[in-house]
Amino acid sequence: MPKRTKHQKRPAPRAGAGDPRRRSFAEKVVDSPYWPALFAVNDAEARGDVKAALEIIHRTRDQLDKEQFWHPSRLERLEQMWLLGALIPRWAHSRWIVAQALQGTHARNKRRMAKAIDLALDVRGGPHPDRDREDDRIQILDRDWVYRQAFLYDLGGLEAFLRHHASGDLIAGADRIWEWARAPMRGVRLLRREPRHLFWEDPATGEQPTTINIGAGLMVDDGECVIGRIVPIDDGLMFETAPLRVPEEVAYAVSDEPDRWIDTLRDASGPSDREPGEIWTHRGLRDYGMLADVPYGLVDLAMEAGLRAFRHPGEEDDELEELFDHPADYPACLAAWLVRPATVKALRGGVPLEGHSALRGFIEFLHEPAASLVRDLTDNRKEAA
């Protein structure tokens, strides 16, 4: 039996069955006392007021636990901003703004959302035959990569949020966010990877951009291609979110004609029930955190397998091959685990000496804020001693 490729072993993460949006949007908010709370949290985030947003959520969450009204990814972003504070890099502030813009709750976004949904459906080959229209809409809003890109960038959702809703303080904390709003779609090939950087090639121009490695290459083999938006940051370049793995011909076409990327995907994609290995635009957008491009569902698995791969790079192991083709992927997975709110709280509660020694050995390979978190933990232990 031929060996399956890396991406065939890891199906896209699925949304939890408890998603409150399984009911129609109207049904959820009629007579709901939490509708004002939602807008209050939106306003607090748009001001950059993390404390106020969390206070509102905590006041209402006890009444909403059964339905998980506040999405876990939103809670995680806010808790990370609060717990890590000044350690949060400016590019993460930009990603926070992008996440706020994507929520699309403002009235002027109604037509923009509808058009982005239609574009995503078109790329996927039409409505899913086994879902009703409302369920298809929910799946697209929550899980479709094309919808996200079209809404935020091609249809101007991010720029509209910056102009009409984001406060000056929120924008001031971001990292070149206006340039993000106008970043073109690109098709690139992954040449090689290192713990701190990923090296790509633009097939149309020959340019070789280098992005920070926070996990964008984990789902991509060396030599494979992706499409995505590479944006500028203080420390170089990064993808504004995890890119989409595509066949070589798609990446070349997008590189040649970036403005036609949706047409290119539509022409290359099949029906929504496609086989693993084909273009998969339907994935859990919120299964990717603000501070890493490692899917939530892979972090724990990658932590275990990757640690062995990093310590023993020449060792053959089927389990390692399933998750890691290169030990350079591991530091991004470690960083994704370190900055989880639960991990931050646990580490600040006390780490054994041997744990500090192990973490210090990875500092040079970690990107922020994980690197500074480890330094702070080490400094605090020295002061306590």
Protein backbone atom coordinates (compact mmCIF):
# COMPACT_ATOMS: atom_id res chain seq x y z
CA MET A 1 0.00 0.00 0.00
CA PRO A 2 1.50 3.37 -0.95
CA LYS A 3 2.40 5.66 1.91
CA ARG A 4 -0.11 8.41 2.53
CA THR A 5 1.12 11.95 2.43
CA LYS A 6 1.35 14.16 5.48
CA HIS A 7 -1.79 16.17 4.82
CA GLN A 8 -3.88 13.05 4.25
CA LYS A 9 -3.27 11.93 7.81
CA ARG A 10 -4.75 14.98 9.44
CA PRO A 11 -8.33 15.85 8.49
CA ALA A 12 -9.41 19.41 9.09
CA PRO A 13 -10.58 20.08 12.68
CA ARG A 14 -14.35 20.06 13.11
CA ALA A 15 -16.48 22.52 15.03
CA GLY A 16 -17.90 21.42 18.36
CA ALA A 17 -21.47 20.21 18.47
CA GLY A 18 -22.26 22.79 21.15
CA ASP A 19 -21.90 25.75 18.81
CA PRO A 20 -24.83 28.04 19.73
CA ARG A 21 -25.15 29.25 16.15
CA ARG A 22 -26.69 25.90 15.18
CA ARG A 23 -29.94 27.79 15.65
CA SER A 24 -30.66 30.70 13.37
CA PHE A 25 -29.20 34.05 14.28
CA ALA A 26 -32.66 35.52 14.86
CA GLU A 27 -33.71 32.66 17.12
CA LYS A 28 -30.67 33.13 19.31
CA VAL A 29 -31.13 36.81 20.02
CA VAL A 30 -34.90 37.23 20.31
CA ASP A 31 -35.63 38.23 23.91
CA SER A 32 -32.01 37.48 24.84
CA PRO A 33 -30.60 39.57 27.71
CA TYR A 34 -27.14 38.93 26.29
CA TRP A 35 -27.57 40.85 23.06
CA PRO A 36 -26.68 44.15 24.80
CA ALA A 37 -23.73 42.38 26.44
CA LEU A 38 -22.46 41.27 23.03
CA PHE A 39 -22.45 44.83 21.73
CA ALA A 40 -20.86 46.06 24.96
CA VAL A 41 -18.01 43.56 24.56
CA ASN A 42 -17.63 44.55 20.90
CA ASP A 43 -17.34 48.19 21.91
CA ALA A 44 -14.83 47.42 24.68
CA GLU A 45 -12.64 45.45 22.29
CA ALA A 46 -12.84 48.17 19.67
CA ARG A 47 -11.52 50.59 22.31
CA GLY A 48 -8.73 48.15 23.15
CA ASP A 49 -10.13 47.73 26.68
CA VAL A 50 -9.41 44.10 27.49
CA LYS A 51 -10.31 44.42 31.16
CA ALA A 52 -13.78 45.83 30.45
CA ALA A 53 -14.49 43.16 27.83
CA LEU A 54 -13.55 40.34 30.22
CA GLU A 55 -15.59 41.83 33.05
CA ILE A 56 -18.73 41.87 30.89
CA ILE A 57 -18.12 38.30 29.75
CA HIS A 58 -17.54 37.05 33.28
CA ARG A 59 -20.75 38.71 34.50
CA THR A 60 -22.82 36.86 31.91
CA ARG A 61 -20.91 33.63 31.35
CA ASP A 62 -22.35 31.75 34.35
CA GLN A 63 -25.81 32.12 32.83
CA LEU A 64 -24.62 30.96 29.40
CA ASP A 65 -22.36 28.01 30.12
CA LYS A 66 -24.86 25.49 28.81
CA GLU A 67 -24.89 27.14 25.41
CA GLN A 68 -21.35 28.52 25.24
CA PHE A 69 -22.57 31.91 24.11
CA TRP A 70 -19.06 33.37 24.28
CA HIS A 71 -16.94 31.56 21.74
CA PRO A 72 -13.90 29.82 23.31
CA SER A 73 -11.50 31.40 20.80
CA ARG A 74 -12.72 34.88 21.74
CA LEU A 75 -12.24 34.12 25.43
CA GLU A 76 -8.76 32.80 24.73
CA ARG A 77 -7.72 35.94 22.82
CA LEU A 78 -8.89 38.23 25.60
CA GLU A 79 -7.34 36.10 28.34
CA GLN A 80 -4.04 36.01 26.47
CA MET A 81 -4.08 39.78 26.09
CA TRP A 82 -4.80 40.15 29.82
CA LEU A 83 -2.36 37.52 31.13
CA LEU A 84 0.55 38.34 28.84
CA GLY A 85 0.04 42.11 28.75
CA ALA A 86 3.19 43.90 27.63
CA LEU A 87 4.68 40.63 26.33
CA ILE A 88 2.13 40.56 23.49
CA PRO A 89 3.87 41.53 20.21
CA ARG A 90 2.41 44.26 18.03
CA TRP A 91 1.58 41.77 15.27
CA ALA A 92 -0.74 40.00 17.73
CA HIS A 93 -2.58 43.29 18.27
CA SER A 94 -3.05 43.38 14.49
CA ARG A 95 -4.45 39.86 14.54
CA TRP A 96 -6.77 40.87 17.37
CA ILE A 97 -8.10 43.69 15.17
CA VAL A 98 -8.57 41.27 12.26
CA ALA A 99 -10.55 38.93 14.52
CA GLN A 100 -12.78 41.81 15.62
CA ALA A 101 -13.39 42.88 12.04
CA LEU A 102 -14.34 39.32 11.08
CA GLN A 103 -17.14 39.24 13.66
CA GLY A 104 -19.10 41.42 11.24
CA THR A 105 -21.91 42.35 13.64
CA HIS A 106 -22.27 45.92 12.36
CA ALA A 107 -25.23 46.67 10.11
CA ARG A 108 -23.11 47.93 7.21
CA ASN A 109 -21.59 44.43 6.94
CA LYS A 110 -24.86 42.70 6.04
CA ARG A 111 -24.38 42.89 2.26
CA ARG A 112 -20.64 42.27 2.59
CA MET A 113 -21.28 39.05 4.55
CA ALA A 114 -23.91 37.87 2.08
CA LYS A 115 -21.60 38.41 -0.88
CA ALA A 116 -18.67 36.69 0.85
CA ILE A 117 -20.92 33.70 1.64
CA ASP A 118 -21.96 33.48 -2.01
CA LEU A 119 -18.32 33.58 -3.13
CA ALA A 120 -17.36 30.83 -0.69
CA LEU A 121 -20.29 28.68 -1.83
CA ASP A 122 -19.32 29.22 -5.44
CA VAL A 123 -15.76 28.06 -4.82
CA ARG A 124 -17.05 24.97 -3.02
CA GLY A 125 -19.30 24.02 -5.91
CA GLY A 126 -22.60 25.18 -4.45
CA PRO A 127 -24.60 24.45 -1.29
CA HIS A 128 -23.90 21.25 0.62
CA PRO A 129 -26.51 18.65 -0.46
CA ASP A 130 -27.00 17.34 3.09
CA ARG A 131 -27.43 20.63 4.95
CA ASP A 132 -30.16 23.20 5.00
CA ARG A 133 -29.44 26.75 3.93
CA GLU A 134 -29.02 28.13 7.45
CA ASP A 135 -26.63 25.37 8.49
CA ASP A 136 -24.59 25.92 5.33
CA ARG A 137 -24.38 29.61 6.17
CA ILE A 138 -23.21 28.88 9.72
CA GLN A 139 -20.58 26.46 8.50
CA ILE A 140 -19.22 29.05 6.08
CA LEU A 141 -19.18 31.87 8.63
CA ASP A 142 -17.28 29.72 11.09
CA ARG A 143 -15.12 27.48 8.95
CA ASP A 144 -14.49 28.75 5.44
CA TRP A 145 -11.10 30.19 4.47
CA VAL A 146 -12.42 31.78 1.28
CA TYR A 147 -15.20 33.56 3.18
CA ARG A 148 -12.67 35.01 5.61
CA GLN A 149 -10.37 36.28 2.91
CA ALA A 150 -13.15 37.72 0.75
CA PHE A 151 -14.96 39.43 3.64
CA LEU A 152 -11.89 40.99 5.23
CA TYR A 153 -9.82 41.95 2.22
CA ASP A 154 -11.48 41.72 -1.20
CA LEU A 155 -14.75 43.22 0.08
CA GLY A 156 -13.10 45.63 2.51
CA GLY A 157 -14.35 44.36 5.86
CA LEU A 158 -11.05 44.99 7.65
CA GLU A 159 -10.57 48.47 6.24
CA ALA A 160 -14.18 49.38 7.08
CA PHE A 161 -13.64 48.28 10.68
CA LEU A 162 -10.47 50.36 10.91
CA ARG A 163 -12.20 53.45 9.51
CA HIS A 164 -15.50 53.29 11.35
CA HIS A 165 -15.13 51.26 14.54
CA ALA A 166 -11.57 50.77 15.78
CA SER A 167 -10.38 53.42 18.23
CA GLY A 168 -7.17 55.34 17.77
CA ASP A 169 -5.69 53.55 20.79
CA LEU A 170 -6.51 50.14 19.33
CA ILE A 171 -4.91 51.00 15.99
CA ALA A 172 -1.89 52.60 17.65
CA GLY A 173 -1.03 49.30 19.32
CA ALA A 174 -1.12 47.35 16.06
CA ASP A 175 1.70 46.45 13.69
CA ARG A 176 1.30 48.16 10.29
CA ILE A 177 -2.37 47.17 10.19
CA TRP A 178 -3.27 49.55 7.34
CA GLU A 179 -0.75 47.70 5.15
CA TRP A 180 -2.38 44.43 6.17
CA ALA A 181 -5.75 45.68 4.95
CA ARG A 182 -4.34 46.15 1.45
CA ALA A 183 -2.09 43.07 1.28
CA PRO A 184 -2.58 41.06 -1.94
CA MET A 185 -3.16 37.33 -2.14
CA ARG A 186 0.02 35.47 -3.04
CA GLY A 187 0.97 32.01 -4.21
CA VAL A 188 4.29 30.70 -2.84
CA ARG A 189 6.23 27.46 -2.50
CA LEU A 190 7.83 26.34 0.78
CA LEU A 191 11.55 25.92 0.16
CA ARG A 192 12.78 25.03 3.64
CA ARG A 193 12.18 25.69 7.31
CA GLU A 194 14.10 26.59 10.41
CA PRO A 195 12.81 26.85 13.99
CA ARG A 196 12.35 30.61 13.72
CA HIS A 197 11.77 31.13 10.00
CA LEU A 198 10.05 29.69 6.95
CA PHE A 199 11.59 30.27 3.52
CA TRP A 200 9.30 30.61 0.50
CA GLU A 201 9.57 31.32 -3.22
CA ASP A 202 7.21 33.29 -5.41
CA PRO A 203 7.05 31.28 -8.65
CA ALA A 204 6.11 34.30 -10.76
CA THR A 205 8.75 36.77 -9.60
CA GLY A 206 11.41 34.53 -8.11
CA GLU A 207 11.27 36.56 -4.91
CA GLN A 208 12.04 34.55 -1.78
CA PRO A 209 10.13 35.98 1.20
CA THR A 210 11.00 34.77 4.69
CA THR A 211 8.23 34.63 7.28
CA ILE A 212 8.44 34.06 11.00
CA ASN A 213 7.72 30.45 11.94
CA ILE A 214 4.71 30.31 14.24
CA GLY A 215 3.40 27.12 12.65
CA ALA A 216 2.30 28.11 9.14
CA GLY A 217 4.43 25.32 7.67
CA LEU A 218 3.17 22.54 9.92
CA MET A 219 0.51 21.41 7.43
CA VAL A 220 2.78 21.89 4.42
CA ASP A 221 5.63 19.69 3.19
CA ASP A 222 8.82 21.21 1.81
CA GLY A 223 8.26 21.82 -1.90
CA GLU A 224 4.48 22.18 -1.55
CA CYS A 225 2.60 25.38 -2.31
CA VAL A 226 0.18 27.63 -0.45
CA ILE A 227 -1.80 30.78 -1.05
CA GLY A 228 -2.20 33.47 1.58
CA ARG A 229 -1.48 37.07 2.45
CA ILE A 230 2.07 37.82 3.56
CA VAL A 231 2.05 41.00 5.63
CA PRO A 232 4.77 43.25 7.06
CA ILE A 233 5.58 43.37 10.78
CA ASP A 234 8.27 45.08 12.84
CA ASP A 235 10.45 41.95 12.71
CA GLY A 236 9.99 41.05 9.05
CA LEU A 237 7.06 39.24 7.42
CA MET A 238 4.34 36.80 8.45
CA PHE A 239 1.10 35.32 7.13
CA GLU A 240 -1.90 37.23 8.47
CA THR A 241 -3.41 33.80 9.19
CA ALA A 242 -2.43 30.23 8.39
CA PRO A 243 -2.24 29.90 4.57
CA LEU A 244 -4.15 27.41 2.42
CA ARG A 245 -2.26 24.48 0.93
CA VAL A 246 -2.95 24.22 -2.83
CA PRO A 247 -1.61 22.37 -5.88
CA GLU A 248 1.33 23.92 -7.69
CA GLU A 249 -0.74 25.07 -10.66
CA VAL A 250 -3.08 27.04 -8.38
CA ALA A 251 -0.19 28.78 -6.61
CA TYR A 252 1.36 29.70 -9.97
CA ALA A 253 -1.94 31.08 -11.29
CA VAL A 254 -2.52 33.14 -8.13
CA SER A 255 1.04 34.43 -8.28
CA ASP A 256 0.46 35.53 -11.89
CA GLU A 257 -2.96 37.10 -11.25
CA PRO A 258 -3.51 37.79 -7.52
CA ASP A 259 -6.80 39.61 -8.08
CA ARG A 260 -8.30 36.48 -9.66
CA TRP A 261 -7.51 34.12 -6.80
CA ILE A 262 -11.18 33.32 -6.17
CA ASP A 263 -11.74 32.43 -9.84
CA THR A 264 -8.62 30.28 -9.76
CA LEU A 265 -9.78 28.37 -6.68
CA ARG A 266 -13.27 27.91 -8.12
CA ASP A 267 -11.86 26.48 -11.33
CA ALA A 268 -9.57 24.12 -9.41
CA SER A 269 -11.96 22.98 -6.68
CA GLY A 270 -14.46 20.18 -6.86
CA PRO A 271 -17.62 19.48 -4.84
CA SER A 272 -17.74 20.16 -1.14
CA ASP A 273 -17.25 16.45 -0.26
CA ARG A 274 -13.76 16.23 -1.72
CA GLU A 275 -11.07 13.69 -0.96
CA PRO A 276 -8.14 14.43 1.39
CA GLY A 277 -5.24 15.92 -0.53
CA GLU A 278 -7.43 18.19 -2.64
CA ILE A 279 -8.00 21.88 -1.91
CA TRP A 280 -9.77 22.12 1.44
CA THR A 281 -11.18 25.61 1.97
CA HIS A 282 -13.68 24.45 4.57
CA ARG A 283 -11.83 24.31 7.88
CA GLY A 284 -12.19 25.58 11.42
CA LEU A 285 -11.07 29.20 11.21
CA ARG A 286 -11.42 29.56 14.96
CA ASP A 287 -9.40 26.39 15.46
CA TYR A 288 -6.36 28.60 14.90
CA GLY A 289 -5.35 30.88 17.75
CA MET A 290 -4.25 34.50 17.66
CA LEU A 291 -0.66 33.76 18.67
CA ALA A 292 0.07 30.66 16.57
CA ASP A 293 -0.74 29.05 13.23
CA VAL A 294 -0.89 25.57 14.75
CA PRO A 295 -4.43 24.10 14.80
CA TYR A 296 -5.67 23.65 18.36
CA GLY A 297 -6.32 19.97 17.78
CA LEU A 298 -2.69 19.32 16.89
CA VAL A 299 -0.92 21.22 19.65
CA ASP A 300 -0.95 18.45 22.25
CA LEU A 301 -0.07 15.74 19.74
CA ALA A 302 2.67 17.88 18.28
CA MET A 303 4.06 18.66 21.72
CA GLU A 304 4.63 14.99 22.49
CA ALA A 305 5.84 13.80 19.11
CA GLY A 306 7.77 16.97 18.32
CA LEU A 307 9.77 16.94 21.53
CA ARG A 308 11.17 13.55 20.62
CA ALA A 309 11.83 14.67 17.04
CA PHE A 310 13.64 17.79 18.21
CA ARG A 311 15.81 15.87 20.68
CA HIS A 312 16.47 12.93 18.32
CA PRO A 313 16.36 14.33 14.75
CA GLY A 314 17.76 11.17 13.16
CA GLU A 315 15.41 8.73 14.88
CA GLU A 316 12.87 6.83 12.77
CA ASP A 317 9.40 6.66 14.24
CA ASP A 318 6.09 6.22 12.40
CA GLU A 319 4.28 8.42 14.90
CA LEU A 320 6.80 11.20 14.42
CA GLU A 321 6.56 10.94 10.65
CA GLU A 322 2.79 11.35 10.92
CA LEU A 323 3.13 14.78 12.54
CA PHE A 324 6.64 15.98 11.77
CA ASP A 325 8.74 15.86 8.65
CA HIS A 326 11.16 18.27 10.26
CA PRO A 327 12.02 18.97 13.91
CA ALA A 328 12.08 22.69 13.08
CA ASP A 329 8.29 22.59 13.40
CA TYR A 330 8.42 21.78 17.08
CA PRO A 331 9.29 25.18 18.62
CA ALA A 332 6.15 26.69 17.05
CA CYS A 333 4.07 23.95 18.66
CA LEU A 334 5.80 24.48 22.00
CA ALA A 335 5.12 28.21 21.74
CA ALA A 336 1.44 27.57 20.92
CA TRP A 337 1.17 25.41 24.06
CA LEU A 338 3.06 27.86 26.28
CA VAL A 339 0.77 30.80 25.50
CA ARG A 340 -2.47 29.00 26.21
CA PRO A 341 -4.13 30.76 29.15
CA ALA A 342 -4.26 27.55 31.19
CA THR A 343 -0.55 26.96 30.58
CA VAL A 344 0.40 30.53 31.49
CA LYS A 345 -1.51 30.28 34.77
CA ALA A 346 0.01 26.89 35.58
CA LEU A 347 3.56 28.01 34.83
CA ARG A 348 3.20 31.15 36.90
CA GLY A 349 1.99 28.98 39.75
CA GLY A 350 5.36 27.26 39.89
CA VAL A 351 7.68 25.24 37.66
CA PRO A 352 10.18 22.64 38.92
CA LEU A 353 13.85 23.44 38.44
CA GLU A 354 14.24 20.83 35.72
CA GLY A 355 11.27 22.36 33.90
CA HIS A 356 12.92 25.77 33.88
CA SER A 357 16.12 24.25 32.54
CA ALA A 358 14.24 22.54 29.70
CA LEU A 359 12.33 25.69 28.77
CA ARG A 360 15.43 27.88 28.83
CA GLY A 361 16.99 25.58 26.25
CA PHE A 362 14.31 26.58 23.76
CA ILE A 363 14.37 30.37 24.21
CA GLU A 364 16.54 31.00 21.16
CA PHE A 365 14.11 29.01 18.98
CA LEU A 366 10.86 30.59 20.21
CA HIS A 367 9.06 33.63 18.87
CA GLU A 368 7.31 36.17 21.04
CA PRO A 369 5.46 36.16 23.30
CA ALA A 370 6.57 32.65 24.31
CA ALA A 371 10.26 33.62 24.51
CA SER A 372 9.62 36.53 26.88
CA LEU A 373 7.25 34.40 28.94
CA VAL A 374 10.03 31.86 29.52
CA ARG A 375 12.50 34.65 30.36
CA ASP A 376 10.07 36.13 32.88
CA LEU A 377 9.56 32.77 34.52
CA THR A 378 13.31 32.27 34.76
CA ASP A 379 13.92 35.77 36.15
CA ASN A 380 11.17 35.36 38.72
CA ARG A 381 12.68 32.09 39.90
CA LYS A 382 16.09 33.72 40.29
CA GLU A 383 14.56 36.57 42.30
CA ALA A 384 12.68 34.11 44.51
CA ALA A 385 15.89 32.18 45.13
